[in-house]
Amino acid sequence: MNRVALSLLICCSALILPCSIHVQGAPASYGTDILAYAGRYFGDLSSPEYSSYDRKMSMHVAKRIKEKYHVDLDYTSYSTFDLLEIEALLKCKRSDESVESLLTRFQS
């Protein structure tokens, strides 16, 4: 019985420790503005709180793209989802592809 309890304790510790490390590292990678919205639910897309969250998230993603890929994007011209998709495309971009060719599908 003691061996089972000890094994269970070790396994649970191995699963919980990485999760706590990840949570402790989150504030450094995300702005405190964005973390203020953690756990919130928005009932309507037209609510002022959602608009504020969406704007801050767009600013954060655009800043991350600029720092990582040296591409300066206007966060007001793209939705947050578009910016996240652009970031994924830049990550997977071939060396012979131009950035402009990736951005053409997002321009209206």
C-alpha atoms as a PDB file:
ATOM      1  CA  MET A   1       0.000   0.000   0.000  1.00  0.00           C
ATOM      2  CA  ASN A   2       2.821   2.406   0.842  1.00  0.00           C
ATOM      3  CA  ARG A   3       4.512   1.736  -2.494  1.00  0.00           C
ATOM      4  CA  VAL A   4       1.320   2.578  -4.381  1.00  0.00           C
ATOM      5  CA  ALA A   5       0.868   5.800  -2.410  1.00  0.00           C
ATOM      6  CA  LEU A   6       4.501   6.772  -2.984  1.00  0.00           C
ATOM      7  CA  SER A   7       4.277   6.030  -6.713  1.00  0.00           C
ATOM      8  CA  LEU A   8       1.099   8.061  -6.980  1.00  0.00           C
ATOM      9  CA  LEU A   9       2.707  10.972  -5.141  1.00  0.00           C
ATOM     10  CA  ILE A  10       5.726  10.944  -7.463  1.00  0.00           C
ATOM     11  CA  CYS A  11       3.564  10.788 -10.595  1.00  0.00           C
ATOM     12  CA  CYS A  12       1.306  13.623  -9.421  1.00  0.00           C
ATOM     13  CA  SER A  13       4.316  15.764  -8.533  1.00  0.00           C
ATOM     14  CA  ALA A  14       5.797  15.167 -11.969  1.00  0.00           C
ATOM     15  CA  LEU A  15       2.570  16.380 -13.578  1.00  0.00           C
ATOM     16  CA  ILE A  16       1.938  19.363 -11.317  1.00  0.00           C
ATOM     17  CA  LEU A  17       5.468  20.820 -11.241  1.00  0.00           C
ATOM     18  CA  PRO A  18       5.712  21.664 -14.984  1.00  0.00           C
ATOM     19  CA  CYS A  19       2.273  23.296 -14.846  1.00  0.00           C
ATOM     20  CA  SER A  20       3.292  25.568 -11.976  1.00  0.00           C
ATOM     21  CA  ILE A  21       6.518  26.514 -13.779  1.00  0.00           C
ATOM     22  CA  HIS A  22       4.529  27.438 -16.885  1.00  0.00           C
ATOM     23  CA  VAL A  23       2.127  29.621 -14.903  1.00  0.00           C
ATOM     24  CA  GLN A  24       4.999  31.382 -13.161  1.00  0.00           C
ATOM     25  CA  GLY A  25       6.586  32.139 -16.543  1.00  0.00           C
ATOM     26  CA  ALA A  26       3.408  33.520 -18.102  1.00  0.00           C
ATOM     27  CA  PRO A  27       3.594  37.103 -16.770  1.00  0.00           C
ATOM     28  CA  ALA A  28       6.982  37.626 -18.399  1.00  0.00           C
ATOM     29  CA  SER A  29       5.773  36.539 -21.819  1.00  0.00           C
ATOM     30  CA  TYR A  30       2.364  38.226 -21.670  1.00  0.00           C
ATOM     31  CA  GLY A  31       1.681  41.768 -20.657  1.00  0.00           C
ATOM     32  CA  THR A  32      -0.050  42.397 -17.364  1.00  0.00           C
ATOM     33  CA  ASP A  33      -2.808  44.123 -19.352  1.00  0.00           C
ATOM     34  CA  ILE A  34      -3.735  40.863 -21.046  1.00  0.00           C
ATOM     35  CA  LEU A  35      -3.463  38.786 -17.874  1.00  0.00           C
ATOM     36  CA  ALA A  36      -6.047  41.064 -16.251  1.00  0.00           C
ATOM     37  CA  TYR A  37      -8.611  39.402 -18.554  1.00  0.00           C
ATOM     38  CA  ALA A  38      -7.634  35.834 -17.611  1.00  0.00           C
ATOM     39  CA  GLY A  39     -10.675  33.744 -16.716  1.00  0.00           C
ATOM     40  CA  ARG A  40     -13.221  36.292 -17.896  1.00  0.00           C
ATOM     41  CA  TYR A  41     -16.101  35.473 -20.194  1.00  0.00           C
ATOM     42  CA  PHE A  42     -17.638  37.973 -22.571  1.00  0.00           C
ATOM     43  CA  GLY A  43     -21.327  37.587 -23.252  1.00  0.00           C
ATOM     44  CA  ASP A  44     -21.366  39.782 -26.324  1.00  0.00           C
ATOM     45  CA  LEU A  45     -18.762  40.770 -28.910  1.00  0.00           C
ATOM     46  CA  SER A  46     -20.019  44.355 -28.784  1.00  0.00           C
ATOM     47  CA  SER A  47     -19.356  44.711 -25.049  1.00  0.00           C
ATOM     48  CA  PRO A  48     -16.806  47.400 -24.114  1.00  0.00           C
ATOM     49  CA  GLU A  49     -14.750  44.903 -22.099  1.00  0.00           C
ATOM     50  CA  TYR A  50     -14.405  42.595 -25.098  1.00  0.00           C
ATOM     51  CA  SER A  51     -13.412  45.488 -27.347  1.00  0.00           C
ATOM     52  CA  SER A  52     -10.753  46.540 -24.852  1.00  0.00           C
ATOM     53  CA  TYR A  53      -9.448  42.966 -24.565  1.00  0.00           C
ATOM     54  CA  ASP A  54      -9.397  42.515 -28.345  1.00  0.00           C
ATOM     55  CA  ARG A  55      -7.495  45.767 -28.863  1.00  0.00           C
ATOM     56  CA  LYS A  56      -4.882  44.893 -26.222  1.00  0.00           C
ATOM     57  CA  MET A  57      -4.481  41.387 -27.596  1.00  0.00           C
ATOM     58  CA  SER A  58      -4.022  42.749 -31.135  1.00  0.00           C
ATOM     59  CA  MET A  59      -1.391  45.180 -29.854  1.00  0.00           C
ATOM     60  CA  HIS A  60       0.413  42.347 -28.079  1.00  0.00           C
ATOM     61  CA  VAL A  61       0.433  40.027 -31.097  1.00  0.00           C
ATOM     62  CA  ALA A  62       1.557  42.827 -33.447  1.00  0.00           C
ATOM     63  CA  LYS A  63       4.385  43.687 -31.023  1.00  0.00           C
ATOM     64  CA  ARG A  64       5.398  40.028 -30.831  1.00  0.00           C
ATOM     65  CA  ILE A  65       5.469  39.786 -34.662  1.00  0.00           C
ATOM     66  CA  LYS A  66       7.628  42.913 -34.860  1.00  0.00           C
ATOM     67  CA  GLU A  67      10.091  41.616 -32.259  1.00  0.00           C
ATOM     68  CA  LYS A  68      10.320  38.090 -33.642  1.00  0.00           C
ATOM     69  CA  TYR A  69      10.039  38.579 -37.418  1.00  0.00           C
ATOM     70  CA  HIS A  70      10.880  42.306 -37.856  1.00  0.00           C
ATOM     71  CA  VAL A  71       7.582  42.936 -39.643  1.00  0.00           C
ATOM     72  CA  ASP A  72       5.789  46.085 -38.527  1.00  0.00           C
ATOM     73  CA  LEU A  73       2.009  45.626 -38.764  1.00  0.00           C
ATOM     74  CA  ASP A  74      -0.701  48.103 -37.834  1.00  0.00           C
ATOM     75  CA  TYR A  75      -2.786  46.294 -35.233  1.00  0.00           C
ATOM     76  CA  THR A  76      -5.866  48.362 -36.145  1.00  0.00           C
ATOM     77  CA  SER A  77      -5.826  47.055 -39.720  1.00  0.00           C
ATOM     78  CA  TYR A  78      -6.047  43.376 -38.773  1.00  0.00           C
ATOM     79  CA  SER A  79      -8.212  41.363 -36.403  1.00  0.00           C
ATOM     80  CA  THR A  80      -6.536  39.451 -33.602  1.00  0.00           C
ATOM     81  CA  PHE A  81      -7.251  36.189 -35.384  1.00  0.00           C
ATOM     82  CA  ASP A  82      -5.693  37.532 -38.591  1.00  0.00           C
ATOM     83  CA  LEU A  83      -2.583  38.586 -36.666  1.00  0.00           C
ATOM     84  CA  LEU A  84      -2.314  35.142 -35.103  1.00  0.00           C
ATOM     85  CA  GLU A  85      -2.639  33.543 -38.538  1.00  0.00           C
ATOM     86  CA  ILE A  86      -0.033  35.931 -39.973  1.00  0.00           C
ATOM     87  CA  GLU A  87       2.302  34.990 -37.139  1.00  0.00           C
ATOM     88  CA  ALA A  88       1.828  31.293 -37.920  1.00  0.00           C
ATOM     89  CA  LEU A  89       2.454  31.900 -41.630  1.00  0.00           C
ATOM     90  CA  LEU A  90       5.618  33.856 -40.865  1.00  0.00           C
ATOM     91  CA  LYS A  91       6.814  31.018 -38.664  1.00  0.00           C
ATOM     92  CA  CYS A  92       6.311  28.502 -41.488  1.00  0.00           C
ATOM     93  CA  LYS A  93       7.377  30.814 -44.330  1.00  0.00           C
ATOM     94  CA  ARG A  94       9.854  29.466 -46.850  1.00  0.00           C
ATOM     95  CA  SER A  95      13.010  31.491 -47.414  1.00  0.00           C
ATOM     96  CA  ASP A  96      12.043  32.289 -51.016  1.00  0.00           C
ATOM     97  CA  GLU A  97       8.592  33.639 -50.048  1.00  0.00           C
ATOM     98  CA  SER A  98       8.127  37.342 -49.522  1.00  0.00           C
ATOM     99  CA  VAL A  99       6.262  38.755 -46.554  1.00  0.00           C
ATOM    100  CA  GLU A 100       4.075  40.802 -48.896  1.00  0.00           C
ATOM    101  CA  SER A 101       2.829  37.645 -50.618  1.00  0.00           C
ATOM    102  CA  LEU A 102       1.683  36.315 -47.243  1.00  0.00           C
ATOM    103  CA  LEU A 103      -0.094  39.556 -46.335  1.00  0.00           C
ATOM    104  CA  THR A 104      -2.074  39.944 -49.576  1.00  0.00           C
ATOM    105  CA  ARG A 105      -4.826  37.575 -48.458  1.00  0.00           C
ATOM    106  CA  PHE A 106      -5.514  39.727 -45.377  1.00  0.00           C
ATOM    107  CA  GLN A 107      -5.858  43.048 -47.169  1.00  0.00           C
ATOM    108  CA  SER A 108      -9.375  43.973 -48.184  1.00  0.00           C
END
